[in-house]
Amino acid sequence: MAEEKPWALISEVGEQGYLEEMADLIKPHFHIISHKDFQQNPQLHGPKIQALLLWNGFPVVEPSLLGLLPSLKVVANGGVGIDHLDVPYINSLGVKVTNTPGVVSNATADIGMALLLASARKVVEGHQVAVDPKTTHIPQCLMGVEVSESTLGIIGMGHIGYKIAQRGKGFDMKILYHNRSRRSVEDEQAVGATYCENMDDLLKESDFVMLAVNLTPETTGLISHRQLSLMKPTATLVNVSRGLVVDQDALVKALQSGTIRAAALDVTYPEPLPRDHPLLGLPNVLITPHVGTNTLTTSLKMVQQMVDNAVAAVKGLTAPNEVKPK
C-alpha cells in the first residue's frame, strides 16, 4: 500500500502565490491546502498539517496560526532571509525552520547589477524619453556615469555578495568589500577584491555601494546619516538586502541634499511603500518591488529546495538547510 502523502499549508496557487509550475513540484510529495481554504475550517484541517511552506512571507507565521497546527514539523521558507520568523519560538514548539540558500544568489546578484547599471546609465529615464510622443531630440539630462573601471564597494560578502563581485569584475571594476570575516586569499584574488576591515574606508572610496547583508539586529539601520555623509557626492547606493538595513529618512535627506548622487533599491520598508512616501517622488531613486529572485528558473529551484527540506523534516531526517537560532 502506498504511503499516504502528508499535508502542507501554502498561501495560494495563483497570482499572489505559487505559479502552477511551482505547485507542480509540491504536489507529488504533499497534499496542499491554501490558507484561504484552511481558514474555512481550521479545526478540521489544522491537525493534519505537517509542513508550512512560506512564499514571499505568506502565510504569516504567528503564534495564533501555529497554535492551530499541533502536528506541524517544519516551516520551510522560500528565500534566505528569515528575519520575519521567530526561530527560537518556532523551535520551542518542536518545529524546524529551513531556508533556501545558494539557489537565490545568481538571480539576486543579477538584479543588483541591473539596478546599478540602470541607475548609472539612466535606463528608465531614457525609456521614458524614447516613448514620449513629444520627444524630438535626446536631452543632455540623460548623461550617465561610467560603470566600467569604477569602484564597487560590497557590504556583505556571502554567497550573494561574492556573485556580485564576480559580475563587477566583468566590468573591470575595482572591488572593495566589508564583511564580518575576511574571505580567503584565493576568493579575493579570483575576483580582484580588497578587504576593508573598516566599513568607513569602503564608503569613502566607492562609486557604487552595494548592500548584500542579512537583516540582523547588528545590520538594522546599518546605513544612516553618518554613513551616507561619508560617501562621495557622486556615489550611488544599491540595496538588495532588506529595507531596514537603511535608515530611509536619512536616505531621503541625503538624496534631496545631494549628499549622494542616487539610490537604486530592490527592497524598502515597508513593501510596498505608502503611495505618498517621499522616496517615490525623488528623481534620483530607482525602485523595484523586491524582485531579486523573480525568475522562473530560480523560483523553481527555491520551491524544490523547500520541498526537499520539508520532506526530510516530516520524515524525521536531517533537513538539508535547517536554520539554527543564533
C-alpha atoms as a PDB file:
ATOM      1  CA  MET A   1       0.000   0.000   0.000  1.00  0.00           C
ATOM      2  CA  ALA A   2       1.382   3.420  -0.984  1.00  0.00           C
ATOM      3  CA  GLU A   3       2.366   5.715   1.860  1.00  0.00           C
ATOM      4  CA  GLU A   4      -0.186   8.468   2.442  1.00  0.00           C
ATOM      5  CA  LYS A   5       1.137  11.892   1.462  1.00  0.00           C
ATOM      6  CA  PRO A   6       1.429  14.416   4.307  1.00  0.00           C
ATOM      7  CA  TRP A   7      -0.404  17.758   4.198  1.00  0.00           C
ATOM      8  CA  ALA A   8       1.199  21.158   3.630  1.00  0.00           C
ATOM      9  CA  LEU A   9      -0.280  24.612   4.167  1.00  0.00           C
ATOM     10  CA  ILE A  10       0.576  27.193   1.492  1.00  0.00           C
ATOM     11  CA  SER A  11      -0.536  30.740   0.651  1.00  0.00           C
ATOM     12  CA  GLU A  12      -2.297  30.013  -2.637  1.00  0.00           C
ATOM     13  CA  VAL A  13      -1.782  28.827  -6.179  1.00  0.00           C
ATOM     14  CA  GLY A  14      -2.238  31.871  -8.368  1.00  0.00           C
ATOM     15  CA  GLU A  15      -1.140  35.441  -8.965  1.00  0.00           C
ATOM     16  CA  GLN A  16      -0.212  36.195  -5.344  1.00  0.00           C
ATOM     17  CA  GLY A  17       1.241  32.794  -4.505  1.00  0.00           C
ATOM     18  CA  TYR A  18       2.705  29.855  -6.372  1.00  0.00           C
ATOM     19  CA  LEU A  19       2.619  29.597 -10.144  1.00  0.00           C
ATOM     20  CA  GLU A  20       1.189  26.301 -11.408  1.00  0.00           C
ATOM     21  CA  GLU A  21       4.684  25.135 -12.411  1.00  0.00           C
ATOM     22  CA  MET A  22       5.865  25.723  -8.852  1.00  0.00           C
ATOM     23  CA  ALA A  23       2.884  23.985  -7.265  1.00  0.00           C
ATOM     24  CA  ASP A  24       3.527  21.006  -9.536  1.00  0.00           C
ATOM     25  CA  LEU A  25       6.822  20.450  -7.689  1.00  0.00           C
ATOM     26  CA  ILE A  26       4.998  20.258  -4.349  1.00  0.00           C
ATOM     27  CA  LYS A  27       2.061  18.036  -5.287  1.00  0.00           C
ATOM     28  CA  PRO A  28       3.965  14.737  -5.742  1.00  0.00           C
ATOM     29  CA  HIS A  29       5.072  14.965  -2.094  1.00  0.00           C
ATOM     30  CA  PHE A  30       2.259  16.776  -0.274  1.00  0.00           C
ATOM     31  CA  HIS A  31      -1.456  17.305  -0.308  1.00  0.00           C
ATOM     32  CA  ILE A  32      -1.671  21.098  -0.357  1.00  0.00           C
ATOM     33  CA  ILE A  33      -4.267  23.369   1.135  1.00  0.00           C
ATOM     34  CA  SER A  34      -4.393  27.128   0.634  1.00  0.00           C
ATOM     35  CA  HIS A  35      -4.535  29.458   3.604  1.00  0.00           C
ATOM     36  CA  LYS A  36      -7.947  30.700   2.469  1.00  0.00           C
ATOM     37  CA  ASP A  37      -9.380  27.152   2.417  1.00  0.00           C
ATOM     38  CA  PHE A  38      -7.681  26.384   5.722  1.00  0.00           C
ATOM     39  CA  GLN A  39      -9.382  29.366   7.352  1.00  0.00           C
ATOM     40  CA  GLN A  40     -12.801  27.996   6.399  1.00  0.00           C
ATOM     41  CA  ASN A  41     -12.359  25.170   8.896  1.00  0.00           C
ATOM     42  CA  PRO A  42      -9.071  25.287  10.832  1.00  0.00           C
ATOM     43  CA  GLN A  43     -10.279  22.735  13.393  1.00  0.00           C
ATOM     44  CA  LEU A  44     -10.729  20.172  10.623  1.00  0.00           C
ATOM     45  CA  HIS A  45      -7.574  20.898   8.663  1.00  0.00           C
ATOM     46  CA  GLY A  46      -5.135  22.020  11.380  1.00  0.00           C
ATOM     47  CA  PRO A  47      -4.317  18.654  12.994  1.00  0.00           C
ATOM     48  CA  LYS A  48      -3.244  17.014   9.712  1.00  0.00           C
ATOM     49  CA  ILE A  49      -0.844  19.731   8.502  1.00  0.00           C
ATOM     50  CA  GLN A  50       2.807  18.782   8.977  1.00  0.00           C
ATOM     51  CA  ALA A  51       4.532  21.359   6.770  1.00  0.00           C
ATOM     52  CA  LEU A  52       4.094  25.099   6.339  1.00  0.00           C
ATOM     53  CA  LEU A  53       5.585  26.309   3.051  1.00  0.00           C
ATOM     54  CA  LEU A  54       6.238  30.055   3.002  1.00  0.00           C
ATOM     55  CA  TRP A  55       6.422  32.029  -0.243  1.00  0.00           C
ATOM     56  CA  ASN A  56       7.006  35.796  -0.117  1.00  0.00           C
ATOM     57  CA  GLY A  57       6.447  35.592   3.628  1.00  0.00           C
ATOM     58  CA  PHE A  58       2.964  34.084   3.399  1.00  0.00           C
ATOM     59  CA  PRO A  59       1.105  32.622   5.203  1.00  0.00           C
ATOM     60  CA  VAL A  60       2.301  34.899   8.021  1.00  0.00           C
ATOM     61  CA  VAL A  61       3.715  32.711  10.797  1.00  0.00           C
ATOM     62  CA  GLU A  62       2.118  33.953  14.008  1.00  0.00           C
ATOM     63  CA  PRO A  63       1.528  32.177  17.321  1.00  0.00           C
ATOM     64  CA  SER A  64      -2.214  32.197  16.569  1.00  0.00           C
ATOM     65  CA  LEU A  65      -1.614  30.162  13.401  1.00  0.00           C
ATOM     66  CA  LEU A  66       0.967  27.847  14.924  1.00  0.00           C
ATOM     67  CA  GLY A  67      -1.448  27.082  17.760  1.00  0.00           C
ATOM     68  CA  LEU A  68      -3.848  25.602  15.201  1.00  0.00           C
ATOM     69  CA  LEU A  69      -1.196  23.228  13.813  1.00  0.00           C
ATOM     70  CA  PRO A  70      -0.436  20.636  16.511  1.00  0.00           C
ATOM     71  CA  SER A  71       1.176  18.185  14.057  1.00  0.00           C
ATOM     72  CA  LEU A  72       3.456  20.753  12.390  1.00  0.00           C
ATOM     73  CA  LYS A  73       7.046  19.591  11.915  1.00  0.00           C
ATOM     74  CA  VAL A  74       8.609  22.203   9.662  1.00  0.00           C
ATOM     75  CA  VAL A  75       8.318  25.790   8.470  1.00  0.00           C
ATOM     76  CA  ALA A  76      10.032  25.747   5.070  1.00  0.00           C
ATOM     77  CA  ASN A  77      10.857  29.278   3.958  1.00  0.00           C
ATOM     78  CA  GLY A  78      11.385  30.236   0.328  1.00  0.00           C
ATOM     79  CA  GLY A  79      14.426  32.516   0.334  1.00  0.00           C
ATOM     80  CA  VAL A  80      17.449  33.040   2.554  1.00  0.00           C
ATOM     81  CA  GLY A  81      16.216  35.790   4.876  1.00  0.00           C
ATOM     82  CA  ILE A  82      14.336  34.568   7.947  1.00  0.00           C
ATOM     83  CA  ASP A  83      14.030  37.929   9.726  1.00  0.00           C
ATOM     84  CA  HIS A  84      10.214  37.527   9.552  1.00  0.00           C
ATOM     85  CA  LEU A  85      10.384  34.314  11.585  1.00  0.00           C
ATOM     86  CA  ASP A  86      10.819  33.901  15.353  1.00  0.00           C
ATOM     87  CA  VAL A  87      13.069  30.876  15.027  1.00  0.00           C
ATOM     88  CA  PRO A  88      13.598  30.220  18.781  1.00  0.00           C
ATOM     89  CA  TYR A  89       9.844  30.318  19.404  1.00  0.00           C
ATOM     90  CA  ILE A  90       9.073  28.042  16.452  1.00  0.00           C
ATOM     91  CA  ASN A  91      11.788  25.620  17.576  1.00  0.00           C
ATOM     92  CA  SER A  92      10.351  25.642  21.108  1.00  0.00           C
ATOM     93  CA  LEU A  93       7.223  24.046  19.631  1.00  0.00           C
ATOM     94  CA  GLY A  94       9.328  21.197  18.248  1.00  0.00           C
ATOM     95  CA  VAL A  95       9.151  22.631  14.732  1.00  0.00           C
ATOM     96  CA  LYS A  96      12.173  23.001  12.441  1.00  0.00           C
ATOM     97  CA  VAL A  97      12.822  26.077  10.288  1.00  0.00           C
ATOM     98  CA  THR A  98      14.533  25.813   6.905  1.00  0.00           C
ATOM     99  CA  ASN A  99      15.504  28.241   4.154  1.00  0.00           C
ATOM    100  CA  THR A 100      16.874  28.112   0.608  1.00  0.00           C
ATOM    101  CA  PRO A 101      20.454  29.434   0.474  1.00  0.00           C
ATOM    102  CA  GLY A 102      22.636  29.199  -2.592  1.00  0.00           C
ATOM    103  CA  VAL A 103      19.932  28.912  -5.240  1.00  0.00           C
ATOM    104  CA  VAL A 104      18.950  32.588  -4.889  1.00  0.00           C
ATOM    105  CA  SER A 105      22.461  34.007  -5.273  1.00  0.00           C
ATOM    106  CA  ASN A 106      22.732  34.371  -9.056  1.00  0.00           C
ATOM    107  CA  ALA A 107      19.339  36.000  -9.564  1.00  0.00           C
ATOM    108  CA  THR A 108      19.856  38.395  -6.649  1.00  0.00           C
ATOM    109  CA  ALA A 109      23.316  39.370  -7.875  1.00  0.00           C
ATOM    110  CA  ASP A 110      21.831  39.917 -11.344  1.00  0.00           C
ATOM    111  CA  ILE A 111      19.193  42.336 -10.030  1.00  0.00           C
ATOM    112  CA  GLY A 112      21.873  44.159  -8.059  1.00  0.00           C
ATOM    113  CA  MET A 113      23.913  44.751 -11.192  1.00  0.00           C
ATOM    114  CA  ALA A 114      20.772  45.559 -13.175  1.00  0.00           C
ATOM    115  CA  LEU A 115      19.855  48.283 -10.669  1.00  0.00           C
ATOM    116  CA  LEU A 116      23.404  49.609 -10.637  1.00  0.00           C
ATOM    117  CA  LEU A 117      23.536  49.804 -14.437  1.00  0.00           C
ATOM    118  CA  ALA A 118      20.029  51.195 -14.843  1.00  0.00           C
ATOM    119  CA  SER A 119      20.714  53.949 -12.300  1.00  0.00           C
ATOM    120  CA  ALA A 120      24.166  54.810 -13.650  1.00  0.00           C
ATOM    121  CA  ARG A 121      23.059  54.946 -17.277  1.00  0.00           C
ATOM    122  CA  LYS A 122      19.550  56.358 -16.638  1.00  0.00           C
ATOM    123  CA  VAL A 123      17.877  53.464 -18.427  1.00  0.00           C
ATOM    124  CA  VAL A 124      14.368  54.157 -17.103  1.00  0.00           C
ATOM    125  CA  GLU A 125      14.583  57.869 -17.902  1.00  0.00           C
ATOM    126  CA  GLY A 126      15.886  57.008 -21.361  1.00  0.00           C
ATOM    127  CA  HIS A 127      12.960  54.689 -21.997  1.00  0.00           C
ATOM    128  CA  GLN A 128      10.523  57.409 -20.944  1.00  0.00           C
ATOM    129  CA  VAL A 129      12.122  59.879 -23.365  1.00  0.00           C
ATOM    130  CA  ALA A 130      12.193  57.301 -26.173  1.00  0.00           C
ATOM    131  CA  VAL A 131       8.463  56.525 -25.943  1.00  0.00           C
ATOM    132  CA  ASP A 132       7.239  60.062 -25.170  1.00  0.00           C
ATOM    133  CA  PRO A 133       5.211  61.322 -28.170  1.00  0.00           C
ATOM    134  CA  LYS A 134       6.578  64.826 -27.521  1.00  0.00           C
ATOM    135  CA  THR A 135      10.233  63.758 -27.918  1.00  0.00           C
ATOM    136  CA  THR A 136      12.047  65.475 -30.813  1.00  0.00           C
ATOM    137  CA  HIS A 137      15.655  65.296 -29.541  1.00  0.00           C
ATOM    138  CA  ILE A 138      17.756  63.489 -26.962  1.00  0.00           C
ATOM    139  CA  PRO A 139      18.212  65.721 -23.879  1.00  0.00           C
ATOM    140  CA  GLN A 140      21.577  66.136 -22.134  1.00  0.00           C
ATOM    141  CA  CYS A 141      19.930  65.197 -18.826  1.00  0.00           C
ATOM    142  CA  LEU A 142      20.353  61.555 -19.880  1.00  0.00           C
ATOM    143  CA  MET A 143      24.116  61.857 -19.366  1.00  0.00           C
ATOM    144  CA  GLY A 144      25.051  58.992 -17.060  1.00  0.00           C
ATOM    145  CA  VAL A 145      28.091  57.923 -15.060  1.00  0.00           C
ATOM    146  CA  GLU A 146      30.730  55.374 -16.009  1.00  0.00           C
ATOM    147  CA  VAL A 147      30.440  51.861 -14.615  1.00  0.00           C
ATOM    148  CA  SER A 148      33.499  50.239 -16.202  1.00  0.00           C
ATOM    149  CA  GLU A 149      36.670  50.768 -14.124  1.00  0.00           C
ATOM    150  CA  SER A 150      34.713  52.486 -11.329  1.00  0.00           C
ATOM    151  CA  THR A 151      34.946  51.363  -7.695  1.00  0.00           C
ATOM    152  CA  LEU A 152      32.326  48.939  -6.331  1.00  0.00           C
ATOM    153  CA  GLY A 153      32.058  48.571  -2.561  1.00  0.00           C
ATOM    154  CA  ILE A 154      30.195  45.466  -1.413  1.00  0.00           C
ATOM    155  CA  ILE A 155      28.920  45.311   2.159  1.00  0.00           C
ATOM    156  CA  GLY A 156      28.214  41.658   2.946  1.00  0.00           C
ATOM    157  CA  MET A 157      30.435  39.203   1.092  1.00  0.00           C
ATOM    158  CA  GLY A 158      28.469  35.984   1.492  1.00  0.00           C
ATOM    159  CA  HIS A 159      27.075  33.915  -1.397  1.00  0.00           C
ATOM    160  CA  ILE A 160      25.275  36.858  -2.966  1.00  0.00           C
ATOM    161  CA  GLY A 161      27.989  39.418  -2.314  1.00  0.00           C
ATOM    162  CA  TYR A 162      30.594  37.198  -3.928  1.00  0.00           C
ATOM    163  CA  LYS A 163      28.399  36.689  -7.011  1.00  0.00           C
ATOM    164  CA  ILE A 164      28.096  40.485  -7.251  1.00  0.00           C
ATOM    165  CA  ALA A 165      31.890  40.747  -7.089  1.00  0.00           C
ATOM    166  CA  GLN A 166      32.193  38.260  -9.953  1.00  0.00           C
ATOM    167  CA  ARG A 167      29.883  40.417 -12.053  1.00  0.00           C
ATOM    168  CA  GLY A 168      31.731  43.584 -11.079  1.00  0.00           C
ATOM    169  CA  LYS A 169      34.998  42.017 -12.213  1.00  0.00           C
ATOM    170  CA  GLY A 170      33.419  41.549 -15.640  1.00  0.00           C
ATOM    171  CA  PHE A 171      33.058  45.347 -15.803  1.00  0.00           C
ATOM    172  CA  ASP A 172      36.710  45.845 -14.798  1.00  0.00           C
ATOM    173  CA  MET A 173      35.547  47.453 -11.561  1.00  0.00           C
ATOM    174  CA  LYS A 174      37.841  47.940  -8.608  1.00  0.00           C
ATOM    175  CA  ILE A 175      36.182  45.846  -5.888  1.00  0.00           C
ATOM    176  CA  LEU A 176      36.250  46.626  -2.192  1.00  0.00           C
ATOM    177  CA  TYR A 177      34.333  44.636   0.397  1.00  0.00           C
ATOM    178  CA  HIS A 178      33.433  44.710   4.063  1.00  0.00           C
ATOM    179  CA  ASN A 179      32.292  41.558   5.838  1.00  0.00           C
ATOM    180  CA  ARG A 180      32.149  40.144   9.365  1.00  0.00           C
ATOM    181  CA  SER A 181      35.018  37.840   8.396  1.00  0.00           C
ATOM    182  CA  ARG A 182      37.593  38.144   5.652  1.00  0.00           C
ATOM    183  CA  ARG A 183      37.316  35.812   2.659  1.00  0.00           C
ATOM    184  CA  SER A 184      40.222  33.533   1.743  1.00  0.00           C
ATOM    185  CA  VAL A 185      43.106  34.951  -0.264  1.00  0.00           C
ATOM    186  CA  GLU A 186      42.048  32.648  -3.105  1.00  0.00           C
ATOM    187  CA  ASP A 187      38.497  34.070  -3.074  1.00  0.00           C
ATOM    188  CA  GLU A 188      39.827  37.626  -3.060  1.00  0.00           C
ATOM    189  CA  GLN A 189      42.266  37.038  -5.876  1.00  0.00           C
ATOM    190  CA  ALA A 190      39.645  35.308  -8.047  1.00  0.00           C
ATOM    191  CA  VAL A 191      37.573  38.498  -8.232  1.00  0.00           C
ATOM    192  CA  GLY A 192      40.293  41.049  -7.500  1.00  0.00           C
ATOM    193  CA  ALA A 193      38.642  42.121  -4.240  1.00  0.00           C
ATOM    194  CA  THR A 194      40.268  44.143  -1.452  1.00  0.00           C
ATOM    195  CA  TYR A 195      39.088  43.718   2.135  1.00  0.00           C
ATOM    196  CA  CYS A 196      38.127  46.818   4.136  1.00  0.00           C
ATOM    197  CA  GLU A 197      38.125  45.971   7.820  1.00  0.00           C
ATOM    198  CA  ASN A 198      36.662  49.415   8.484  1.00  0.00           C
ATOM    199  CA  MET A 199      33.402  49.995   6.594  1.00  0.00           C
ATOM    200  CA  ASP A 200      34.039  53.754   6.640  1.00  0.00           C
ATOM    201  CA  ASP A 201      37.006  53.292   4.288  1.00  0.00           C
ATOM    202  CA  LEU A 202      34.805  51.464   1.784  1.00  0.00           C
ATOM    203  CA  LEU A 203      32.119  54.162   1.954  1.00  0.00           C
ATOM    204  CA  LYS A 204      34.633  56.956   1.306  1.00  0.00           C
ATOM    205  CA  GLU A 205      36.233  55.284  -1.717  1.00  0.00           C
ATOM    206  CA  SER A 206      33.332  53.637  -3.565  1.00  0.00           C
ATOM    207  CA  ASP A 207      31.460  54.960  -6.585  1.00  0.00           C
ATOM    208  CA  PHE A 208      28.771  52.347  -6.009  1.00  0.00           C
ATOM    209  CA  VAL A 209      27.940  50.862  -2.580  1.00  0.00           C
ATOM    210  CA  MET A 210      26.043  47.575  -2.792  1.00  0.00           C
ATOM    211  CA  LEU A 211      24.307  46.180   0.318  1.00  0.00           C
ATOM    212  CA  ALA A 212      24.064  42.378   0.457  1.00  0.00           C
ATOM    213  CA  VAL A 213      23.851  41.618   4.175  1.00  0.00           C
ATOM    214  CA  ASN A 214      21.333  39.561   6.121  1.00  0.00           C
ATOM    215  CA  LEU A 215      18.973  41.568   8.322  1.00  0.00           C
ATOM    216  CA  THR A 216      20.034  41.115  11.944  1.00  0.00           C
ATOM    217  CA  PRO A 217      19.933  43.384  15.000  1.00  0.00           C
ATOM    218  CA  GLU A 218      23.501  44.409  14.064  1.00  0.00           C
ATOM    219  CA  THR A 219      22.650  45.351  10.471  1.00  0.00           C
ATOM    220  CA  THR A 220      19.344  47.123  11.176  1.00  0.00           C
ATOM    221  CA  GLY A 221      19.961  50.802  10.367  1.00  0.00           C
ATOM    222  CA  LEU A 222      23.499  49.977   9.230  1.00  0.00           C
ATOM    223  CA  ILE A 223      23.381  52.830   6.716  1.00  0.00           C
ATOM    224  CA  SER A 224      22.189  56.076   8.282  1.00  0.00           C
ATOM    225  CA  HIS A 225      23.119  59.785   8.308  1.00  0.00           C
ATOM    226  CA  ARG A 226      26.774  59.311   9.272  1.00  0.00           C
ATOM    227  CA  GLN A 227      27.460  56.528   6.774  1.00  0.00           C
ATOM    228  CA  LEU A 228      25.745  58.404   3.927  1.00  0.00           C
ATOM    229  CA  SER A 229      27.755  61.546   4.747  1.00  0.00           C
ATOM    230  CA  LEU A 230      30.967  59.576   4.209  1.00  0.00           C
ATOM    231  CA  MET A 231      30.008  58.579   0.665  1.00  0.00           C
ATOM    232  CA  LYS A 232      31.106  60.555  -2.377  1.00  0.00           C
ATOM    233  CA  PRO A 233      28.547  63.087  -3.657  1.00  0.00           C
ATOM    234  CA  THR A 234      28.830  61.217  -6.979  1.00  0.00           C
ATOM    235  CA  ALA A 235      28.165  57.807  -5.384  1.00  0.00           C
ATOM    236  CA  THR A 236      25.135  55.533  -5.723  1.00  0.00           C
ATOM    237  CA  LEU A 237      23.691  53.310  -3.001  1.00  0.00           C
ATOM    238  CA  VAL A 238      22.284  49.965  -4.196  1.00  0.00           C
ATOM    239  CA  ASN A 239      20.299  47.776  -1.788  1.00  0.00           C
ATOM    240  CA  VAL A 240      19.383  44.147  -2.499  1.00  0.00           C
ATOM    241  CA  SER A 241      19.365  43.045   1.146  1.00  0.00           C
ATOM    242  CA  ARG A 242      16.471  44.263   3.317  1.00  0.00           C
ATOM    243  CA  GLY A 243      14.796  47.634   3.584  1.00  0.00           C
ATOM    244  CA  LEU A 244      15.520  48.016   7.299  1.00  0.00           C
ATOM    245  CA  VAL A 245      19.286  47.895   6.683  1.00  0.00           C
ATOM    246  CA  VAL A 246      18.934  51.516   5.519  1.00  0.00           C
ATOM    247  CA  ASP A 247      17.536  54.403   7.567  1.00  0.00           C
ATOM    248  CA  GLN A 248      15.079  55.601   4.914  1.00  0.00           C
ATOM    249  CA  ASP A 249      14.582  59.045   6.466  1.00  0.00           C
ATOM    250  CA  ALA A 250      18.331  59.589   6.326  1.00  0.00           C
ATOM    251  CA  LEU A 251      18.392  58.331   2.749  1.00  0.00           C
ATOM    252  CA  VAL A 252      15.677  60.768   1.680  1.00  0.00           C
ATOM    253  CA  LYS A 253      17.648  63.672   3.165  1.00  0.00           C
ATOM    254  CA  ALA A 254      20.885  62.519   1.525  1.00  0.00           C
ATOM    255  CA  LEU A 255      19.221  62.277  -1.870  1.00  0.00           C
ATOM    256  CA  GLN A 256      17.428  65.616  -1.552  1.00  0.00           C
ATOM    257  CA  SER A 257      20.550  67.451  -0.405  1.00  0.00           C
ATOM    258  CA  GLY A 258      22.955  65.936  -2.923  1.00  0.00           C
ATOM    259  CA  THR A 259      24.960  64.145  -0.236  1.00  0.00           C
ATOM    260  CA  ILE A 260      24.931  61.168  -2.643  1.00  0.00           C
ATOM    261  CA  ARG A 261      24.074  61.034  -6.333  1.00  0.00           C
ATOM    262  CA  ALA A 262      21.389  58.334  -6.378  1.00  0.00           C
ATOM    263  CA  ALA A 263      19.886  55.207  -4.848  1.00  0.00           C
ATOM    264  CA  ALA A 264      18.703  52.023  -6.523  1.00  0.00           C
ATOM    265  CA  LEU A 265      16.611  49.776  -4.287  1.00  0.00           C
ATOM    266  CA  ASP A 266      15.052  46.356  -4.677  1.00  0.00           C
ATOM    267  CA  VAL A 267      13.940  46.480  -1.039  1.00  0.00           C
ATOM    268  CA  THR A 268      12.205  49.071   1.128  1.00  0.00           C
ATOM    269  CA  TYR A 269      10.366  49.184   4.421  1.00  0.00           C
ATOM    270  CA  PRO A 270       7.501  48.557   4.271  1.00  0.00           C
ATOM    271  CA  GLU A 271       6.875  46.849   0.939  1.00  0.00           C
ATOM    272  CA  PRO A 272       5.277  48.422  -0.930  1.00  0.00           C
ATOM    273  CA  LEU A 273       5.959  51.911   0.397  1.00  0.00           C
ATOM    274  CA  PRO A 274       2.955  54.129   1.216  1.00  0.00           C
ATOM    275  CA  ARG A 275       1.976  55.871  -2.006  1.00  0.00           C
ATOM    276  CA  ASP A 276       2.852  59.274  -0.534  1.00  0.00           C
ATOM    277  CA  HIS A 277       6.324  58.255   0.683  1.00  0.00           C
ATOM    278  CA  PRO A 278       8.948  60.864  -0.286  1.00  0.00           C
ATOM    279  CA  LEU A 279      11.243  58.248  -1.850  1.00  0.00           C
ATOM    280  CA  LEU A 280       8.643  57.677  -4.562  1.00  0.00           C
ATOM    281  CA  GLY A 281       8.799  61.269  -5.711  1.00  0.00           C
ATOM    282  CA  LEU A 282      12.564  61.716  -5.971  1.00  0.00           C
ATOM    283  CA  PRO A 283      14.072  61.786  -9.476  1.00  0.00           C
ATOM    284  CA  ASN A 284      17.333  60.168  -8.341  1.00  0.00           C
ATOM    285  CA  VAL A 285      15.758  56.992  -6.961  1.00  0.00           C
ATOM    286  CA  LEU A 286      15.106  53.738  -8.812  1.00  0.00           C
ATOM    287  CA  ILE A 287      12.915  51.181  -7.009  1.00  0.00           C
ATOM    288  CA  THR A 288      11.906  47.643  -7.929  1.00  0.00           C
ATOM    289  CA  PRO A 289       9.364  45.738  -5.779  1.00  0.00           C
ATOM    290  CA  HIS A 290      11.636  43.110  -4.149  1.00  0.00           C
ATOM    291  CA  VAL A 291      12.020  41.009  -7.292  1.00  0.00           C
ATOM    292  CA  GLY A 292      15.585  39.848  -6.703  1.00  0.00           C
ATOM    293  CA  THR A 293      14.747  36.162  -7.026  1.00  0.00           C
ATOM    294  CA  ASN A 294      11.896  36.585  -9.506  1.00  0.00           C
ATOM    295  CA  THR A 295      12.986  34.414 -12.383  1.00  0.00           C
ATOM    296  CA  LEU A 296      11.161  31.202 -13.157  1.00  0.00           C
ATOM    297  CA  THR A 297      14.408  29.215 -13.080  1.00  0.00           C
ATOM    298  CA  THR A 298      15.357  30.454  -9.615  1.00  0.00           C
ATOM    299  CA  SER A 299      11.801  30.206  -8.265  1.00  0.00           C
ATOM    300  CA  LEU A 300      11.566  26.549  -9.323  1.00  0.00           C
ATOM    301  CA  LYS A 301      14.925  25.825  -7.668  1.00  0.00           C
ATOM    302  CA  MET A 302      13.723  27.515  -4.490  1.00  0.00           C
ATOM    303  CA  VAL A 303      10.498  25.510  -4.364  1.00  0.00           C
ATOM    304  CA  GLN A 304      12.378  22.276  -4.993  1.00  0.00           C
ATOM    305  CA  GLN A 305      14.709  23.099  -2.107  1.00  0.00           C
ATOM    306  CA  MET A 306      11.725  23.924   0.106  1.00  0.00           C
ATOM    307  CA  VAL A 307      10.173  20.575  -0.770  1.00  0.00           C
ATOM    308  CA  ASP A 308      13.408  18.678  -0.099  1.00  0.00           C
ATOM    309  CA  ASN A 309      13.738  20.371   3.283  1.00  0.00           C
ATOM    310  CA  ALA A 310      10.098  19.752   4.198  1.00  0.00           C
ATOM    311  CA  VAL A 311      10.097  16.102   3.133  1.00  0.00           C
ATOM    312  CA  ALA A 312      13.208  15.408   5.216  1.00  0.00           C
ATOM    313  CA  ALA A 313      11.790  17.139   8.288  1.00  0.00           C
ATOM    314  CA  VAL A 314       8.435  15.361   8.051  1.00  0.00           C
ATOM    315  CA  LYS A 315      10.250  12.035   7.841  1.00  0.00           C
ATOM    316  CA  GLY A 316      12.286  12.884  10.922  1.00  0.00           C
ATOM    317  CA  LEU A 317      15.510  13.170   8.924  1.00  0.00           C
ATOM    318  CA  THR A 318      18.071  15.964   8.958  1.00  0.00           C
ATOM    319  CA  ALA A 319      16.755  18.836   6.851  1.00  0.00           C
ATOM    320  CA  PRO A 320      19.455  19.924   4.386  1.00  0.00           C
ATOM    321  CA  ASN A 321      19.026  23.649   5.126  1.00  0.00           C
ATOM    322  CA  GLU A 322      17.816  23.826   8.707  1.00  0.00           C
ATOM    323  CA  VAL A 323      18.204  27.272  10.295  1.00  0.00           C
ATOM    324  CA  LYS A 324      19.539  27.177  13.826  1.00  0.00           C
ATOM    325  CA  PRO A 325      18.858  30.055  16.233  1.00  0.00           C
ATOM    326  CA  LYS A 326      21.894  32.243  16.906  1.00  0.00           C
END
